[in-house]
Amino acid sequence: MIQKPEIKLKTLREMKNFTQEYMAEQLGLTTRAYSKIESGETQLTINRLNEISAILGVDPIEALGFDHQNIFNNYGSQEGNIGLNQTFNLPDKLIEQYEKRIQQLESEVIFLRALVK
């Protein structure tokens, strides 16, 4: 089943642990206006897609082509819930993004610890 682009954006946003409020703020929109983008009530323009993709740190084509089956191997789960024993099938680019973000956060922690001392 192919997801609508709006649903794909929501899934990517949730994977980044971003709220709709955060996305709206970054885009200079109200939360309701952003919510309408995700729900498909507002048509997604290419410019808006580019802005959202930049915030999410993904290529716009990836955002539209995102398939949760590539991220979560949830075969055997009829309701789509991810069990503890199921594996993740993450693309290399996504792994690289996560590793880079972890390194950035580790640097921030070291810096903040130095400030506290």
N, C-alpha and C. Protein backbone atom coordinates (compact mmCIF):
# COMPACT_ATOMS: atom_id res chain seq x y z
N MET A 1 0.84 -1.18 0.00
CA MET A 1 0.00 0.00 0.00
C MET A 1 0.88 1.24 0.00
N ILE A 2 0.64 2.17 -0.89
CA ILE A 2 1.42 3.41 -0.98
C ILE A 2 0.78 4.45 -0.09
N GLN A 3 1.62 5.07 0.75
CA GLN A 3 1.13 6.12 1.62
C GLN A 3 1.01 7.43 0.87
N LYS A 4 0.05 8.26 1.26
CA LYS A 4 -0.05 9.61 0.73
C LYS A 4 1.16 10.40 1.25
N PRO A 5 1.65 11.39 0.47
CA PRO A 5 2.81 12.16 0.93
C PRO A 5 2.63 12.76 2.31
N GLU A 6 1.41 13.22 2.62
CA GLU A 6 1.17 13.85 3.91
C GLU A 6 1.41 12.86 5.05
N ILE A 7 0.97 11.61 4.86
CA ILE A 7 1.16 10.60 5.90
C ILE A 7 2.65 10.27 6.04
N LYS A 8 3.36 10.27 4.92
CA LYS A 8 4.79 10.01 4.96
C LYS A 8 5.50 11.11 5.74
N LEU A 9 5.09 12.34 5.54
CA LEU A 9 5.70 13.46 6.28
C LEU A 9 5.44 13.31 7.77
N LYS A 10 4.25 12.92 8.12
CA LYS A 10 3.92 12.72 9.53
C LYS A 10 4.80 11.63 10.14
N THR A 11 4.96 10.53 9.42
CA THR A 11 5.77 9.42 9.91
C THR A 11 7.22 9.85 10.08
N LEU A 12 7.76 10.56 9.09
CA LEU A 12 9.14 11.05 9.20
C LEU A 12 9.28 12.02 10.37
N ARG A 13 8.30 12.91 10.53
CA ARG A 13 8.33 13.87 11.64
C ARG A 13 8.34 13.14 12.98
N GLU A 14 7.49 12.15 13.11
CA GLU A 14 7.42 11.39 14.36
C GLU A 14 8.70 10.62 14.62
N MET A 15 9.34 10.12 13.56
CA MET A 15 10.61 9.41 13.73
C MET A 15 11.71 10.34 14.25
N LYS A 16 11.61 11.60 13.91
CA LYS A 16 12.59 12.59 14.39
C LYS A 16 12.21 13.13 15.76
N ASN A 17 11.07 12.68 16.29
CA ASN A 17 10.53 13.17 17.57
C ASN A 17 10.24 14.66 17.52
N PHE A 18 9.81 15.13 16.36
CA PHE A 18 9.40 16.52 16.21
C PHE A 18 7.89 16.61 16.39
N THR A 19 7.43 17.64 17.05
CA THR A 19 6.00 17.86 17.20
C THR A 19 5.49 18.69 16.04
N GLN A 20 4.18 18.70 15.86
CA GLN A 20 3.59 19.56 14.85
C GLN A 20 3.85 21.02 15.21
N GLU A 21 3.87 21.33 16.50
CA GLU A 21 4.13 22.70 16.94
C GLU A 21 5.53 23.13 16.51
N TYR A 22 6.51 22.24 16.68
CA TYR A 22 7.88 22.55 16.28
C TYR A 22 7.96 22.79 14.77
N MET A 23 7.35 21.90 14.00
CA MET A 23 7.39 22.04 12.55
C MET A 23 6.73 23.35 12.12
N ALA A 24 5.57 23.64 12.72
CA ALA A 24 4.85 24.87 12.38
C ALA A 24 5.71 26.09 12.68
N GLU A 25 6.37 26.08 13.83
CA GLU A 25 7.21 27.21 14.22
C GLU A 25 8.36 27.39 13.23
N GLN A 26 8.99 26.29 12.83
CA GLN A 26 10.10 26.36 11.89
C GLN A 26 9.66 26.89 10.52
N LEU A 27 8.41 26.61 10.17
CA LEU A 27 7.89 27.02 8.87
C LEU A 27 7.19 28.37 8.91
N GLY A 28 7.03 28.94 10.12
CA GLY A 28 6.33 30.21 10.25
C GLY A 28 4.82 30.06 10.04
N LEU A 29 4.30 28.91 10.43
CA LEU A 29 2.87 28.62 10.28
C LEU A 29 2.23 28.43 11.66
N THR A 30 0.92 28.43 11.68
CA THR A 30 0.23 28.02 12.89
C THR A 30 0.26 26.49 12.94
N THR A 31 0.07 25.96 14.13
CA THR A 31 0.04 24.51 14.26
C THR A 31 -1.09 23.93 13.42
N ARG A 32 -2.23 24.60 13.41
CA ARG A 32 -3.38 24.13 12.62
C ARG A 32 -3.05 24.11 11.13
N ALA A 33 -2.35 25.13 10.66
CA ALA A 33 -1.98 25.17 9.23
C ALA A 33 -1.06 24.01 8.89
N TYR A 34 -0.10 23.72 9.78
CA TYR A 34 0.79 22.59 9.52
C TYR A 34 0.02 21.27 9.59
N SER A 35 -0.87 21.17 10.55
CA SER A 35 -1.68 19.96 10.70
C SER A 35 -2.47 19.68 9.42
N LYS A 36 -2.96 20.75 8.79
CA LYS A 36 -3.71 20.59 7.54
C LYS A 36 -2.83 20.04 6.42
N ILE A 37 -1.54 20.37 6.44
CA ILE A 37 -0.61 19.82 5.44
C ILE A 37 -0.50 18.32 5.64
N GLU A 38 -0.29 17.91 6.90
CA GLU A 38 -0.13 16.48 7.18
C GLU A 38 -1.41 15.69 6.91
N SER A 39 -2.56 16.31 7.15
CA SER A 39 -3.82 15.58 6.96
C SER A 39 -4.29 15.60 5.51
N GLY A 40 -3.64 16.41 4.67
CA GLY A 40 -4.02 16.49 3.27
C GLY A 40 -5.11 17.51 2.98
N GLU A 41 -5.50 18.27 4.01
CA GLU A 41 -6.51 19.31 3.80
C GLU A 41 -5.94 20.48 3.00
N THR A 42 -4.63 20.70 3.13
CA THR A 42 -3.94 21.74 2.37
C THR A 42 -3.01 21.04 1.39
N GLN A 43 -3.09 21.42 0.14
CA GLN A 43 -2.24 20.80 -0.87
C GLN A 43 -0.78 21.19 -0.63
N LEU A 44 0.08 20.21 -0.72
CA LEU A 44 1.51 20.40 -0.50
C LEU A 44 2.15 20.93 -1.77
N THR A 45 2.78 22.11 -1.66
CA THR A 45 3.49 22.67 -2.81
C THR A 45 4.93 22.19 -2.80
N ILE A 46 5.60 22.31 -3.92
CA ILE A 46 7.00 21.89 -4.00
C ILE A 46 7.87 22.73 -3.08
N ASN A 47 7.57 24.03 -2.98
CA ASN A 47 8.36 24.89 -2.09
C ASN A 47 8.18 24.46 -0.64
N ARG A 48 6.94 24.17 -0.26
CA ARG A 48 6.67 23.75 1.12
C ARG A 48 7.31 22.39 1.39
N LEU A 49 7.26 21.50 0.39
CA LEU A 49 7.90 20.19 0.54
C LEU A 49 9.40 20.35 0.76
N ASN A 50 10.02 21.26 0.01
CA ASN A 50 11.45 21.51 0.18
C ASN A 50 11.76 22.03 1.59
N GLU A 51 10.93 22.94 2.09
CA GLU A 51 11.13 23.48 3.43
C GLU A 51 10.98 22.40 4.50
N ILE A 52 9.94 21.60 4.38
CA ILE A 52 9.69 20.54 5.36
C ILE A 52 10.80 19.50 5.31
N SER A 53 11.23 19.14 4.11
CA SER A 53 12.30 18.17 3.95
C SER A 53 13.60 18.66 4.58
N ALA A 54 13.87 19.95 4.43
CA ALA A 54 15.08 20.51 5.03
C ALA A 54 15.03 20.41 6.55
N ILE A 55 13.89 20.69 7.13
CA ILE A 55 13.75 20.60 8.59
C ILE A 55 13.91 19.15 9.04
N LEU A 56 13.35 18.23 8.28
CA LEU A 56 13.43 16.81 8.63
C LEU A 56 14.79 16.20 8.29
N GLY A 57 15.58 16.92 7.50
CA GLY A 57 16.90 16.43 7.14
C GLY A 57 16.87 15.30 6.12
N VAL A 58 15.88 15.35 5.24
CA VAL A 58 15.78 14.33 4.20
C VAL A 58 15.62 14.99 2.85
N ASP A 59 15.97 14.28 1.81
CA ASP A 59 15.77 14.76 0.46
C ASP A 59 14.26 14.76 0.17
N PRO A 60 13.75 15.78 -0.54
CA PRO A 60 12.31 15.81 -0.84
C PRO A 60 11.82 14.54 -1.54
N ILE A 61 12.64 13.98 -2.42
CA ILE A 61 12.25 12.75 -3.10
C ILE A 61 12.13 11.61 -2.10
N GLU A 62 13.05 11.56 -1.12
CA GLU A 62 12.96 10.55 -0.08
C GLU A 62 11.69 10.73 0.74
N ALA A 63 11.35 11.99 1.02
CA ALA A 63 10.14 12.25 1.81
C ALA A 63 8.91 11.73 1.10
N LEU A 64 8.86 11.92 -0.21
CA LEU A 64 7.71 11.44 -0.96
C LEU A 64 7.76 9.93 -1.18
N GLY A 65 8.98 9.40 -1.27
CA GLY A 65 9.14 7.97 -1.53
C GLY A 65 9.30 7.15 -0.27
N PHE A 66 9.20 7.77 0.89
CA PHE A 66 9.37 7.08 2.15
C PHE A 66 8.37 5.95 2.28
N ASP A 67 8.86 4.79 2.68
CA ASP A 67 8.00 3.63 2.88
C ASP A 67 8.33 3.04 4.24
N HIS A 68 7.36 3.07 5.14
CA HIS A 68 7.63 2.60 6.49
C HIS A 68 8.05 1.14 6.51
N GLN A 69 7.74 0.37 5.50
CA GLN A 69 8.17 -1.03 5.45
C GLN A 69 9.70 -1.12 5.33
N ASN A 70 10.32 -0.10 4.73
CA ASN A 70 11.77 -0.08 4.63
C ASN A 70 12.40 0.25 5.97
N ILE A 71 11.69 0.93 6.83
CA ILE A 71 12.23 1.32 8.12
C ILE A 71 11.92 0.29 9.19
N PHE A 72 10.69 -0.15 9.24
CA PHE A 72 10.28 -1.09 10.28
C PHE A 72 9.89 -2.41 9.65
N ASN A 73 10.58 -3.43 10.02
CA ASN A 73 10.27 -4.76 9.53
C ASN A 73 9.20 -5.33 10.44
N ASN A 74 7.95 -5.08 10.09
CA ASN A 74 6.88 -5.49 10.98
C ASN A 74 6.02 -6.60 10.39
N TYR A 75 6.64 -7.47 9.62
CA TYR A 75 5.92 -8.63 9.12
C TYR A 75 5.50 -9.47 10.32
N GLY A 76 4.40 -10.10 10.25
CA GLY A 76 3.96 -10.95 11.34
C GLY A 76 3.19 -10.19 12.39
N SER A 77 3.11 -8.89 12.26
CA SER A 77 2.32 -8.09 13.17
C SER A 77 1.11 -7.59 12.41
N GLN A 78 -0.01 -8.19 12.63
CA GLN A 78 -1.20 -7.86 11.85
C GLN A 78 -1.66 -6.44 12.07
N GLU A 79 -1.39 -5.89 13.25
CA GLU A 79 -1.87 -4.56 13.55
C GLU A 79 -0.82 -3.49 13.29
N GLY A 80 0.34 -3.89 12.80
CA GLY A 80 1.38 -2.93 12.47
C GLY A 80 2.17 -2.45 13.68
N ASN A 81 1.95 -3.05 14.84
CA ASN A 81 2.72 -2.67 16.02
C ASN A 81 4.08 -3.32 15.95
N ILE A 82 5.07 -2.64 16.44
CA ILE A 82 6.43 -3.15 16.39
C ILE A 82 6.71 -3.88 17.69
N GLY A 83 7.03 -5.15 17.57
CA GLY A 83 7.34 -5.94 18.75
C GLY A 83 8.79 -5.78 19.15
N LEU A 84 9.11 -6.18 20.37
CA LEU A 84 10.47 -6.04 20.88
C LEU A 84 11.46 -6.90 20.12
N ASN A 85 11.00 -8.01 19.58
CA ASN A 85 11.93 -8.91 18.90
C ASN A 85 12.02 -8.66 17.41
N GLN A 86 11.38 -7.62 16.90
CA GLN A 86 11.43 -7.34 15.49
C GLN A 86 12.64 -6.46 15.17
N THR A 87 13.16 -6.62 13.97
CA THR A 87 14.38 -5.91 13.59
C THR A 87 14.06 -4.66 12.82
N PHE A 88 15.01 -3.72 12.82
CA PHE A 88 14.89 -2.50 12.05
C PHE A 88 15.76 -2.64 10.82
N ASN A 89 15.22 -2.22 9.70
CA ASN A 89 15.95 -2.24 8.44
C ASN A 89 16.14 -0.79 8.02
N LEU A 90 17.18 -0.14 8.55
CA LEU A 90 17.39 1.29 8.31
C LEU A 90 18.31 1.51 7.12
N PRO A 91 17.96 2.44 6.25
CA PRO A 91 18.85 2.78 5.13
C PRO A 91 20.15 3.39 5.67
N ASP A 92 21.24 3.18 4.93
CA ASP A 92 22.55 3.67 5.35
C ASP A 92 22.54 5.18 5.58
N LYS A 93 21.85 5.92 4.72
CA LYS A 93 21.82 7.38 4.85
C LYS A 93 21.17 7.79 6.17
N LEU A 94 20.10 7.10 6.55
CA LEU A 94 19.42 7.41 7.81
C LEU A 94 20.31 7.08 9.00
N ILE A 95 21.02 5.97 8.92
CA ILE A 95 21.96 5.60 9.98
C ILE A 95 23.04 6.67 10.12
N GLU A 96 23.57 7.13 8.99
CA GLU A 96 24.58 8.18 9.02
C GLU A 96 24.04 9.46 9.67
N GLN A 97 22.79 9.82 9.34
CA GLN A 97 22.18 11.01 9.94
C GLN A 97 22.05 10.85 11.45
N TYR A 98 21.62 9.68 11.89
CA TYR A 98 21.48 9.44 13.33
C TYR A 98 22.84 9.47 14.03
N GLU A 99 23.85 8.85 13.41
CA GLU A 99 25.18 8.85 14.01
C GLU A 99 25.74 10.26 14.12
N LYS A 100 25.53 11.07 13.08
CA LYS A 100 25.99 12.46 13.10
C LYS A 100 25.29 13.23 14.21
N ARG A 101 23.97 13.02 14.33
CA ARG A 101 23.21 13.73 15.37
C ARG A 101 23.66 13.29 16.76
N ILE A 102 23.94 12.01 16.93
CA ILE A 102 24.43 11.51 18.23
C ILE A 102 25.75 12.17 18.58
N GLN A 103 26.65 12.29 17.60
CA GLN A 103 27.93 12.95 17.84
C GLN A 103 27.74 14.41 18.23
N GLN A 104 26.80 15.10 17.56
CA GLN A 104 26.51 16.49 17.90
C GLN A 104 25.99 16.59 19.33
N LEU A 105 25.10 15.71 19.69
CA LEU A 105 24.53 15.74 21.04
C LEU A 105 25.58 15.41 22.10
N GLU A 106 26.46 14.46 21.79
CA GLU A 106 27.53 14.13 22.73
C GLU A 106 28.45 15.34 22.94
N SER A 107 28.75 16.07 21.88
CA SER A 107 29.57 17.28 22.00
C SER A 107 28.87 18.32 22.86
N GLU A 108 27.57 18.47 22.67
CA GLU A 108 26.81 19.43 23.47
C GLU A 108 26.81 19.04 24.94
N VAL A 109 26.69 17.75 25.23
CA VAL A 109 26.70 17.28 26.61
C VAL A 109 28.05 17.60 27.26
N ILE A 110 29.13 17.34 26.54
CA ILE A 110 30.47 17.63 27.07
C ILE A 110 30.61 19.12 27.35
N PHE A 111 30.15 19.94 26.42
CA PHE A 111 30.21 21.39 26.58
C PHE A 111 29.39 21.83 27.79
N LEU A 112 28.19 21.33 27.91
CA LEU A 112 27.31 21.73 29.02
C LEU A 112 27.86 21.24 30.36
N ARG A 113 28.44 20.07 30.39
CA ARG A 113 29.06 19.58 31.63
C ARG A 113 30.21 20.49 32.05
N ALA A 114 30.98 20.96 31.07
CA ALA A 114 32.08 21.87 31.38
C ALA A 114 31.56 23.19 31.93
N LEU A 115 30.44 23.65 31.41
CA LEU A 115 29.83 24.90 31.91
C LEU A 115 29.35 24.74 33.34
N VAL A 116 28.79 23.59 33.65
CA VAL A 116 28.25 23.36 34.99
C VAL A 116 29.38 23.33 36.02
N LYS A 117 30.53 22.76 35.62
CA LYS A 117 31.67 22.70 36.54
C LYS A 117 32.22 24.07 36.72
